[in-house]
N, C-alpha and C. Protein backbone atom coordinates (compact mmCIF):
# COMPACT_ATOMS: atom_id res chain seq x y z
N MET A 1 -108.29 45.09 332.61
CA MET A 1 -108.43 44.96 333.96
C MET A 1 -109.15 45.78 335.13
N ALA A 2 -108.75 47.07 335.01
CA ALA A 2 -109.39 48.38 335.70
C ALA A 2 -111.10 48.22 334.78
N GLN A 3 -111.23 48.22 333.51
CA GLN A 3 -112.50 48.15 333.24
C GLN A 3 -113.38 47.27 333.65
N GLY A 4 -112.81 45.92 333.98
CA GLY A 4 -113.94 44.65 334.64
C GLY A 4 -114.34 45.01 335.90
N PHE A 5 -112.97 45.72 337.11
CA PHE A 5 -112.91 46.57 338.34
C PHE A 5 -114.38 47.41 338.18
N LEU A 6 -113.99 48.19 337.32
CA LEU A 6 -115.22 49.63 337.15
C LEU A 6 -116.69 49.00 337.18
N LEU A 7 -116.99 47.91 336.11
CA LEU A 7 -118.01 47.04 335.78
C LEU A 7 -118.55 46.60 337.24
N GLU A 8 -117.53 45.84 338.28
CA GLU A 8 -117.92 44.93 339.51
C GLU A 8 -118.51 46.49 340.13
N ASP A 9 -117.92 47.33 340.16
CA ASP A 9 -118.48 48.53 341.52
C ASP A 9 -119.78 49.01 340.66
N GLU A 10 -119.57 49.20 339.84
CA GLU A 10 -121.62 49.74 339.39
C GLU A 10 -122.24 48.66 339.07
N ASP A 11 -121.86 46.91 339.50
CA ASP A 11 -123.00 46.09 339.76
C ASP A 11 -123.04 45.86 341.14
N MET A 12 -122.11 46.12 341.74
CA MET A 12 -122.42 46.03 343.53
C MET A 12 -123.73 47.00 344.43
N PRO A 13 -124.33 48.10 343.79
CA PRO A 13 -125.55 48.28 344.18
C PRO A 13 -126.72 47.31 344.08
N GLU A 14 -126.69 46.92 342.54
CA GLU A 14 -127.54 46.08 342.28
C GLU A 14 -127.63 44.79 343.07
N ILE A 15 -126.62 44.26 343.51
CA ILE A 15 -126.52 42.65 343.91
C ILE A 15 -126.48 43.54 345.73
N LYS A 16 -126.37 44.72 346.07
CA LYS A 16 -126.62 44.35 347.60
C LYS A 16 -128.09 45.09 347.63
N THR A 17 -128.96 45.29 346.60
CA THR A 17 -130.37 45.29 346.73
C THR A 17 -130.96 44.23 346.65
N ARG A 18 -130.76 43.49 345.88
CA ARG A 18 -131.01 41.83 345.17
C ARG A 18 -130.94 41.08 346.71
N LEU A 19 -129.89 41.42 347.50
CA LEU A 19 -129.57 40.38 348.53
C LEU A 19 -130.31 41.12 349.55
N GLU A 20 -130.77 42.10 350.01
CA GLU A 20 -131.63 42.94 350.81
C GLU A 20 -133.16 42.39 350.56
N SER A 21 -133.03 42.45 349.56
CA SER A 21 -134.91 42.06 348.84
C SER A 21 -135.13 40.16 349.22
N LEU A 22 -133.93 39.28 348.69
CA LEU A 22 -134.14 38.56 349.45
C LEU A 22 -134.21 38.03 350.52
N ARG A 23 -133.56 38.55 351.72
CA ARG A 23 -133.63 38.48 353.15
C ARG A 23 -134.52 38.70 353.28
N ASP A 24 -135.44 39.87 353.34
CA ASP A 24 -136.52 40.30 353.81
C ASP A 24 -137.51 39.41 353.17
N GLU A 25 -137.45 39.10 351.85
CA GLU A 25 -138.69 38.01 351.21
C GLU A 25 -138.62 36.60 351.83
N ILE A 26 -137.47 36.26 351.86
CA ILE A 26 -137.09 34.84 352.98
C ILE A 26 -137.84 34.82 354.14
N ARG A 27 -137.14 36.24 355.21
CA ARG A 27 -137.55 36.25 356.05
C ARG A 27 -139.05 36.44 356.41
N GLY A 28 -139.69 37.01 355.75
CA GLY A 28 -141.21 36.54 355.88
C GLY A 28 -141.78 35.54 355.21
N HIS A 29 -141.11 34.85 354.56
CA HIS A 29 -141.90 33.22 354.54
C HIS A 29 -141.58 32.54 355.70
N GLU A 30 -140.14 32.77 356.43
CA GLU A 30 -140.27 31.64 357.23
C GLU A 30 -141.37 32.23 358.65
N HIS A 31 -141.39 33.68 358.76
CA HIS A 31 -142.26 33.80 359.70
C HIS A 31 -143.86 33.11 359.19
N ARG A 32 -143.84 33.27 358.19
CA ARG A 32 -145.29 32.69 358.11
C ARG A 32 -145.37 31.14 357.68
N TYR A 33 -144.18 30.38 357.71
CA TYR A 33 -144.05 28.97 357.68
C TYR A 33 -143.91 28.51 359.41
N TYR A 34 -142.90 29.23 360.16
CA TYR A 34 -142.74 28.83 361.44
C TYR A 34 -143.55 29.09 362.77
N VAL A 35 -143.88 30.46 362.18
CA VAL A 35 -144.81 31.11 363.61
C VAL A 35 -146.15 30.92 363.28
N LEU A 36 -146.64 31.40 361.99
CA LEU A 36 -148.05 31.43 361.89
C LEU A 36 -148.50 30.20 361.18
N ASP A 37 -147.80 29.48 360.85
CA ASP A 37 -147.89 27.86 360.03
C ASP A 37 -149.06 28.27 358.81
N ALA A 38 -148.57 28.91 357.93
CA ALA A 38 -149.55 29.30 356.86
C ALA A 38 -148.61 29.52 356.26
N PRO A 39 -147.37 29.23 355.08
CA PRO A 39 -147.14 29.39 354.30
C PRO A 39 -147.74 29.15 353.09
N VAL A 40 -147.09 30.29 351.91
CA VAL A 40 -147.84 30.98 350.73
C VAL A 40 -147.25 30.21 349.63
N ILE A 41 -145.71 30.07 349.94
CA ILE A 41 -145.36 29.31 348.32
C ILE A 41 -144.82 27.92 348.80
N THR A 42 -144.56 27.15 347.80
CA THR A 42 -144.01 25.83 347.65
C THR A 42 -142.70 25.70 348.74
N ASP A 43 -142.59 24.35 348.97
CA ASP A 43 -141.08 24.30 349.34
C ASP A 43 -139.82 24.29 348.61
N HIS A 44 -140.38 23.95 347.49
CA HIS A 44 -139.39 23.89 346.09
C HIS A 44 -139.11 25.39 345.67
N GLU A 45 -140.40 26.53 345.68
CA GLU A 45 -139.78 28.01 345.47
C GLU A 45 -138.99 28.42 346.71
N PHE A 46 -139.38 28.28 347.96
CA PHE A 46 -138.59 28.27 349.41
C PHE A 46 -137.11 28.38 348.92
N ASP A 47 -136.86 26.96 348.55
CA ASP A 47 -135.60 26.41 348.65
C ASP A 47 -134.89 27.27 347.59
N ALA A 48 -135.43 27.47 346.25
CA ALA A 48 -134.97 28.39 344.90
C ALA A 48 -134.38 29.78 345.43
N LEU A 49 -135.25 30.34 346.82
CA LEU A 49 -134.86 32.03 346.88
C LEU A 49 -134.01 31.61 348.22
N MET A 50 -133.86 30.43 348.74
CA MET A 50 -132.72 30.30 349.70
C MET A 50 -131.32 29.90 348.82
N GLN A 51 -131.79 29.22 347.67
CA GLN A 51 -130.42 28.86 347.03
C GLN A 51 -129.76 30.43 346.28
N GLU A 52 -130.61 30.82 345.61
CA GLU A 52 -130.25 32.18 345.00
C GLU A 52 -129.45 33.11 346.16
N LEU A 53 -129.85 33.50 347.55
CA LEU A 53 -129.30 33.80 348.33
C LEU A 53 -128.19 33.25 348.65
N LEU A 54 -128.14 32.16 348.66
CA LEU A 54 -126.64 31.18 348.92
C LEU A 54 -125.85 31.89 347.97
N ARG A 55 -126.15 31.43 346.81
CA ARG A 55 -124.51 32.27 345.47
C ARG A 55 -124.94 32.76 345.56
N LEU A 56 -125.66 34.23 345.73
CA LEU A 56 -124.79 35.61 345.82
C LEU A 56 -124.03 36.05 346.82
N GLU A 57 -124.06 35.16 348.35
CA GLU A 57 -123.36 35.51 349.19
C GLU A 57 -122.22 34.76 349.10
N ARG A 58 -122.36 33.27 348.43
CA ARG A 58 -120.85 32.62 348.20
C ARG A 58 -119.90 34.15 347.27
N GLU A 59 -120.78 34.27 346.19
CA GLU A 59 -119.94 35.54 345.56
C GLU A 59 -119.53 36.50 345.99
N HIS A 60 -120.05 36.93 346.96
CA HIS A 60 -119.89 38.17 347.25
C HIS A 60 -119.50 37.84 348.92
N PRO A 61 -118.96 37.40 349.67
CA PRO A 61 -118.72 36.87 350.80
C PRO A 61 -118.83 38.22 352.28
N GLU A 62 -118.35 39.55 351.14
CA GLU A 62 -118.26 40.32 351.89
C GLU A 62 -119.25 41.46 352.11
N LEU A 63 -120.39 40.88 351.36
CA LEU A 63 -121.83 41.18 351.65
C LEU A 63 -122.52 40.47 352.89
N VAL A 64 -121.93 39.16 353.41
CA VAL A 64 -122.91 38.47 354.11
C VAL A 64 -123.59 39.10 355.44
N THR A 65 -124.46 39.39 356.12
CA THR A 65 -124.88 39.58 357.37
C THR A 65 -124.59 38.58 358.20
N ALA A 66 -125.04 39.09 359.68
CA ALA A 66 -125.03 38.13 361.06
C ALA A 66 -126.55 37.95 360.79
N ASP A 67 -127.70 38.61 360.25
CA ASP A 67 -128.78 38.31 360.50
C ASP A 67 -129.63 37.78 358.89
N SER A 68 -128.87 37.71 358.18
CA SER A 68 -129.42 37.08 357.20
C SER A 68 -129.67 35.39 357.47
N PRO A 69 -131.10 34.66 356.62
CA PRO A 69 -131.67 33.68 357.18
C PRO A 69 -130.63 32.51 356.79
N THR A 70 -129.17 32.70 356.03
CA THR A 70 -128.36 31.63 355.57
C THR A 70 -127.56 31.54 357.02
N GLN A 71 -127.98 32.03 357.99
CA GLN A 71 -126.68 31.95 358.85
C GLN A 71 -127.51 31.77 360.20
N ARG A 72 -128.70 31.19 360.15
CA ARG A 72 -129.70 30.81 360.94
C ARG A 72 -129.86 29.42 360.53
N VAL A 73 -130.60 28.27 361.46
CA VAL A 73 -130.99 27.27 361.52
C VAL A 73 -133.17 27.20 361.96
N GLY A 74 -134.01 27.01 361.60
CA GLY A 74 -135.25 27.03 362.07
C GLY A 74 -135.43 28.22 361.91
N GLY A 75 -136.66 27.59 362.71
CA GLY A 75 -137.39 29.10 363.57
C GLY A 75 -137.45 29.59 365.08
N SER A 76 -137.84 30.49 365.25
CA SER A 76 -137.29 30.65 366.95
C SER A 76 -138.49 30.00 367.44
N ALA A 77 -137.95 29.64 369.26
CA ALA A 77 -139.38 29.35 369.89
C ALA A 77 -140.33 30.11 370.35
N GLN A 78 -141.36 30.00 370.41
CA GLN A 78 -142.11 30.45 370.60
C GLN A 78 -142.67 30.49 372.40
N SER A 79 -142.95 31.83 372.84
CA SER A 79 -143.16 32.29 374.47
C SER A 79 -144.32 31.12 374.96
N ARG A 80 -144.83 30.67 374.07
CA ARG A 80 -146.55 29.97 374.88
C ARG A 80 -145.32 28.47 375.40
N LEU A 81 -144.40 28.04 375.09
CA LEU A 81 -143.78 26.68 376.10
C LEU A 81 -142.68 27.11 376.49
N LYS A 82 -142.34 26.71 377.17
CA LYS A 82 -141.02 26.65 377.93
C LYS A 82 -140.08 26.47 377.03
N SER A 83 -139.08 27.32 377.24
CA SER A 83 -137.57 27.83 376.44
C SER A 83 -136.93 26.64 376.94
N VAL A 84 -136.31 25.59 375.47
CA VAL A 84 -134.85 25.02 376.45
C VAL A 84 -133.62 25.02 375.24
N THR A 85 -132.38 25.26 375.96
CA THR A 85 -131.27 25.42 375.72
C THR A 85 -130.65 23.90 375.76
N HIS A 86 -130.73 23.45 373.79
CA HIS A 86 -129.96 22.48 373.82
C HIS A 86 -128.50 22.46 374.06
N ARG A 87 -128.09 20.44 374.67
CA ARG A 87 -126.84 20.45 374.69
C ARG A 87 -126.00 20.85 374.00
N TYR A 88 -126.15 19.99 372.52
CA TYR A 88 -125.65 20.25 371.33
C TYR A 88 -126.45 21.18 370.52
N PRO A 89 -125.75 21.98 369.39
CA PRO A 89 -126.63 22.43 368.41
C PRO A 89 -127.14 21.80 367.77
N LEU A 90 -128.15 21.39 367.68
CA LEU A 90 -129.12 20.75 366.33
C LEU A 90 -129.16 21.13 365.27
N LEU A 91 -128.52 20.97 364.13
CA LEU A 91 -128.02 22.03 363.09
C LEU A 91 -128.99 21.50 361.92
N SER A 92 -129.22 22.39 360.73
CA SER A 92 -130.07 21.73 359.44
C SER A 92 -129.31 21.04 358.84
N LEU A 93 -129.88 20.14 357.86
CA LEU A 93 -129.56 19.73 356.83
C LEU A 93 -129.65 20.26 355.43
N ASP A 94 -128.63 19.78 354.83
CA ASP A 94 -128.24 20.77 353.46
C ASP A 94 -128.82 19.91 352.47
N ASN A 95 -129.69 20.57 351.49
CA ASN A 95 -130.40 20.12 350.06
C ASN A 95 -129.48 20.13 348.59
N ALA A 96 -129.68 18.79 348.23
CA ALA A 96 -129.07 18.83 347.08
C ALA A 96 -129.62 18.53 345.52
N PHE A 97 -129.34 19.51 344.96
CA PHE A 97 -130.43 20.10 343.62
C PHE A 97 -129.78 19.74 342.36
N SER A 98 -128.72 19.16 342.52
CA SER A 98 -128.04 18.63 341.55
C SER A 98 -126.85 17.78 341.51
N GLU A 99 -126.74 16.61 340.28
CA GLU A 99 -126.06 15.61 340.64
C GLU A 99 -124.46 16.29 341.11
N GLY A 100 -123.85 17.26 340.38
CA GLY A 100 -122.77 18.13 340.94
C GLY A 100 -122.79 17.99 342.69
N GLU A 101 -124.10 18.55 343.13
CA GLU A 101 -123.84 18.94 344.29
C GLU A 101 -124.23 17.41 345.35
N LEU A 102 -124.55 16.46 344.29
CA LEU A 102 -124.44 15.47 345.43
C LEU A 102 -123.40 14.54 345.42
N LEU A 103 -123.13 14.46 344.29
CA LEU A 103 -121.00 14.26 344.05
C LEU A 103 -120.01 14.48 344.91
N GLU A 104 -120.38 16.33 345.05
CA GLU A 104 -119.69 16.80 346.11
C GLU A 104 -119.81 16.84 347.83
N PHE A 105 -120.85 16.30 348.24
CA PHE A 105 -121.24 16.23 349.04
C PHE A 105 -120.51 14.44 349.63
N ASP A 106 -121.25 13.30 348.27
CA ASP A 106 -119.94 12.42 348.73
C ASP A 106 -119.00 12.54 348.89
N ARG A 107 -118.27 13.30 348.16
CA ARG A 107 -116.88 13.62 348.78
C ARG A 107 -116.54 13.40 349.84
N ARG A 108 -116.93 14.69 350.25
CA ARG A 108 -116.91 15.35 351.45
C ARG A 108 -116.91 14.43 352.72
N VAL A 109 -118.29 13.71 352.27
CA VAL A 109 -118.36 12.72 353.42
C VAL A 109 -117.28 11.13 353.29
N ARG A 110 -116.81 11.05 351.61
CA ARG A 110 -115.84 10.21 352.12
C ARG A 110 -114.15 10.69 352.74
N LYS A 111 -114.42 11.85 352.92
CA LYS A 111 -113.33 12.08 353.57
C LYS A 111 -112.92 11.89 355.13
N ALA A 112 -113.96 11.68 355.78
CA ALA A 112 -114.38 11.27 357.16
C ALA A 112 -114.54 9.49 357.18
N VAL A 113 -115.21 8.94 355.83
CA VAL A 113 -115.88 7.39 356.49
C VAL A 113 -115.46 7.30 354.55
N PRO A 114 -114.80 6.22 354.53
CA PRO A 114 -113.72 5.85 353.87
C PRO A 114 -114.56 4.85 352.64
N ALA A 115 -115.82 4.30 353.07
CA ALA A 115 -116.76 3.49 352.36
C ALA A 115 -118.54 3.98 352.95
N PRO A 116 -119.02 4.77 352.81
CA PRO A 116 -120.45 5.26 353.38
C PRO A 116 -121.35 4.41 352.92
N ASP A 117 -122.32 4.19 353.82
CA ASP A 117 -123.58 3.70 353.27
C ASP A 117 -124.65 4.94 353.01
N TYR A 118 -124.92 4.94 352.32
CA TYR A 118 -126.68 6.06 352.05
C TYR A 118 -128.07 5.39 352.43
N VAL A 119 -128.68 6.18 352.64
CA VAL A 119 -129.98 5.96 352.88
C VAL A 119 -130.42 7.06 352.53
N THR A 120 -131.78 7.10 351.27
CA THR A 120 -132.10 8.35 350.86
C THR A 120 -133.70 8.58 350.43
N GLU A 121 -134.26 9.50 351.21
CA GLU A 121 -135.53 9.34 351.02
C GLU A 121 -136.27 11.17 350.25
N LEU A 122 -137.67 10.56 349.86
CA LEU A 122 -137.76 12.54 349.26
C LEU A 122 -137.84 13.09 350.88
N LYS A 123 -137.81 14.36 350.07
CA LYS A 123 -137.84 15.69 351.50
C LYS A 123 -139.33 15.69 351.65
N ILE A 124 -139.03 15.36 353.50
CA ILE A 124 -140.64 15.31 353.75
C ILE A 124 -140.71 16.37 354.97
N ASP A 125 -141.75 17.42 354.73
CA ASP A 125 -141.07 18.61 356.00
C ASP A 125 -142.15 18.40 357.30
N GLY A 126 -141.61 18.26 358.32
CA GLY A 126 -141.92 18.08 359.46
C GLY A 126 -141.21 18.73 360.68
N LEU A 127 -141.37 17.83 361.80
CA LEU A 127 -140.79 18.81 363.09
C LEU A 127 -139.70 17.87 363.66
N SER A 128 -138.41 18.54 364.00
CA SER A 128 -137.39 17.69 364.19
C SER A 128 -137.69 18.09 365.94
N VAL A 129 -137.10 16.96 366.36
CA VAL A 129 -137.27 16.84 368.01
C VAL A 129 -136.38 16.02 368.81
N ALA A 130 -135.73 16.80 369.79
CA ALA A 130 -134.28 16.04 370.30
C ALA A 130 -135.39 15.27 371.53
N LEU A 131 -134.53 14.15 371.15
CA LEU A 131 -134.94 13.46 372.49
C LEU A 131 -134.24 13.11 373.84
N ILE A 132 -134.37 13.06 375.33
CA ILE A 132 -133.49 12.81 376.39
C ILE A 132 -133.75 11.29 376.91
N TYR A 133 -133.33 10.23 377.03
CA TYR A 133 -133.41 9.70 378.10
C TYR A 133 -132.40 9.67 379.01
N GLU A 134 -133.10 9.18 380.32
CA GLU A 134 -131.88 9.40 381.32
C GLU A 134 -132.12 8.01 382.00
N ASN A 135 -131.47 6.78 381.75
CA ASN A 135 -131.32 5.68 382.56
C ASN A 135 -132.65 4.79 381.92
N GLY A 136 -132.63 5.04 380.37
CA GLY A 136 -133.88 4.69 379.82
C GLY A 136 -134.84 4.97 379.73
N GLU A 137 -135.27 5.97 380.08
CA GLU A 137 -136.44 6.96 380.86
C GLU A 137 -136.05 8.50 379.88
N LEU A 138 -137.73 8.30 379.01
CA LEU A 138 -138.12 9.91 378.49
C LEU A 138 -138.07 10.79 379.53
N VAL A 139 -136.90 11.53 379.25
CA VAL A 139 -136.93 12.88 380.46
C VAL A 139 -137.42 14.19 379.68
N ARG A 140 -137.20 14.27 378.23
CA ARG A 140 -137.66 15.76 377.74
C ARG A 140 -137.47 15.60 376.29
N ALA A 141 -138.37 16.12 375.62
CA ALA A 141 -138.35 16.24 374.33
C ALA A 141 -138.41 17.52 373.96
N SER A 142 -137.46 18.08 372.93
CA SER A 142 -137.92 19.85 372.32
C SER A 142 -137.76 19.54 370.83
N THR A 143 -138.27 20.86 370.68
CA THR A 143 -138.04 21.07 369.18
C THR A 143 -136.86 21.34 368.46
N ARG A 144 -136.48 21.71 367.43
CA ARG A 144 -135.23 21.88 366.98
C ARG A 144 -134.91 23.53 367.10
N GLY A 145 -136.25 24.49 367.66
CA GLY A 145 -136.04 25.77 367.19
C GLY A 145 -135.32 26.58 366.27
N ASP A 146 -134.41 27.45 367.04
CA ASP A 146 -133.33 28.22 366.07
C ASP A 146 -132.22 27.27 366.26
N GLY A 147 -131.96 26.06 366.54
CA GLY A 147 -130.77 25.12 366.78
C GLY A 147 -129.93 24.88 367.92
N VAL A 148 -130.36 26.55 368.57
CA VAL A 148 -129.68 26.44 369.90
C VAL A 148 -130.73 26.76 371.35
N LYS A 149 -131.90 27.17 370.91
CA LYS A 149 -132.59 26.75 371.94
C LYS A 149 -134.46 25.94 371.12
N GLY A 150 -135.06 25.29 371.87
CA GLY A 150 -136.20 25.00 371.28
C GLY A 150 -136.92 25.49 372.58
N GLU A 151 -138.31 24.55 371.91
CA GLU A 151 -139.38 24.41 372.88
C GLU A 151 -139.55 23.19 373.58
N ASP A 152 -139.98 23.00 374.99
CA ASP A 152 -140.34 22.05 375.50
C ASP A 152 -141.55 21.61 375.24
N VAL A 153 -141.69 20.05 374.73
CA VAL A 153 -142.97 19.39 374.17
C VAL A 153 -143.22 18.16 374.58
N THR A 154 -142.44 17.98 375.86
CA THR A 154 -142.28 16.83 376.55
C THR A 154 -143.56 15.99 376.56
N ALA A 155 -144.45 16.87 376.78
CA ALA A 155 -145.92 16.48 377.03
C ALA A 155 -146.81 16.14 375.62
N ASN A 156 -146.18 16.82 375.04
CA ASN A 156 -146.87 16.54 373.58
C ASN A 156 -146.68 14.91 373.01
N VAL A 157 -144.90 14.70 373.37
CA VAL A 157 -144.56 13.78 372.61
C VAL A 157 -145.01 12.25 373.26
N ARG A 158 -145.27 12.38 374.23
CA ARG A 158 -145.73 11.41 375.48
C ARG A 158 -147.05 10.58 374.76
N THR A 159 -147.64 11.39 373.89
CA THR A 159 -148.66 11.14 373.25
C THR A 159 -148.35 10.23 372.11
N ILE A 160 -147.25 9.96 371.45
CA ILE A 160 -146.86 9.60 370.37
C ILE A 160 -147.12 8.09 370.67
N ARG A 161 -147.69 7.00 370.07
CA ARG A 161 -147.95 5.60 370.47
C ARG A 161 -146.38 5.12 370.00
N ALA A 162 -145.99 5.37 368.85
CA ALA A 162 -145.01 4.65 367.97
C ALA A 162 -143.51 5.16 369.20
N LEU A 163 -143.56 6.13 370.27
CA LEU A 163 -142.13 6.42 370.42
C LEU A 163 -142.12 5.91 371.71
N PRO A 164 -141.11 5.34 372.11
CA PRO A 164 -140.91 4.73 373.68
C PRO A 164 -141.15 5.19 374.75
N LEU A 165 -141.31 5.93 375.87
CA LEU A 165 -141.48 6.37 376.98
C LEU A 165 -140.27 5.99 377.61
N ARG A 166 -140.07 4.39 377.55
CA ARG A 166 -138.72 3.74 378.58
C ARG A 166 -138.19 2.78 377.37
N LEU A 167 -136.82 2.71 377.09
CA LEU A 167 -135.91 1.97 376.61
C LEU A 167 -135.83 0.93 376.77
N LYS A 168 -135.76 -0.31 376.28
CA LYS A 168 -135.58 -1.75 376.67
C LYS A 168 -134.06 -1.71 376.88
N GLN A 169 -133.62 -2.34 378.23
CA GLN A 169 -132.57 -2.59 378.50
C GLN A 169 -131.49 -3.53 377.76
N ALA A 170 -130.75 -3.66 377.22
CA ALA A 170 -130.11 -4.78 376.97
C ALA A 170 -129.08 -5.82 377.50
């Protein structure tokens, strides 16, 4: 037993180093993707890095840091556009990479919804936008940003023909 504990202590510096390396690498990729709009790896490669980080942090919760990419959603708001604070946090969706992860998701959903219906689609990257309508009229559109604050993109969104500027009253 003490021997197993010793081995765990000997592995800890390597685990800490790998965690720091993963966090730095992921932050760099997030910056290139969200800020520069110039990614250098595929979404699949990024997801694999994030999954490794999540796994290591699950196995070693004492090593999770507040600034870890696993503790954030999306990218930060850019200063060129007006900052908007969301009324409710806009959270990110999780990925499922195996049948087991999908079944675990279904188990959690069925705790809240006894007979859920699902719609699935391939992951397509894009932009999340929160739309606020008052009295049926579009008054604000904002990006998800970091989930708490985003950017006001109302003027841009108004140019999307498929998006109603006024909702039909029932």
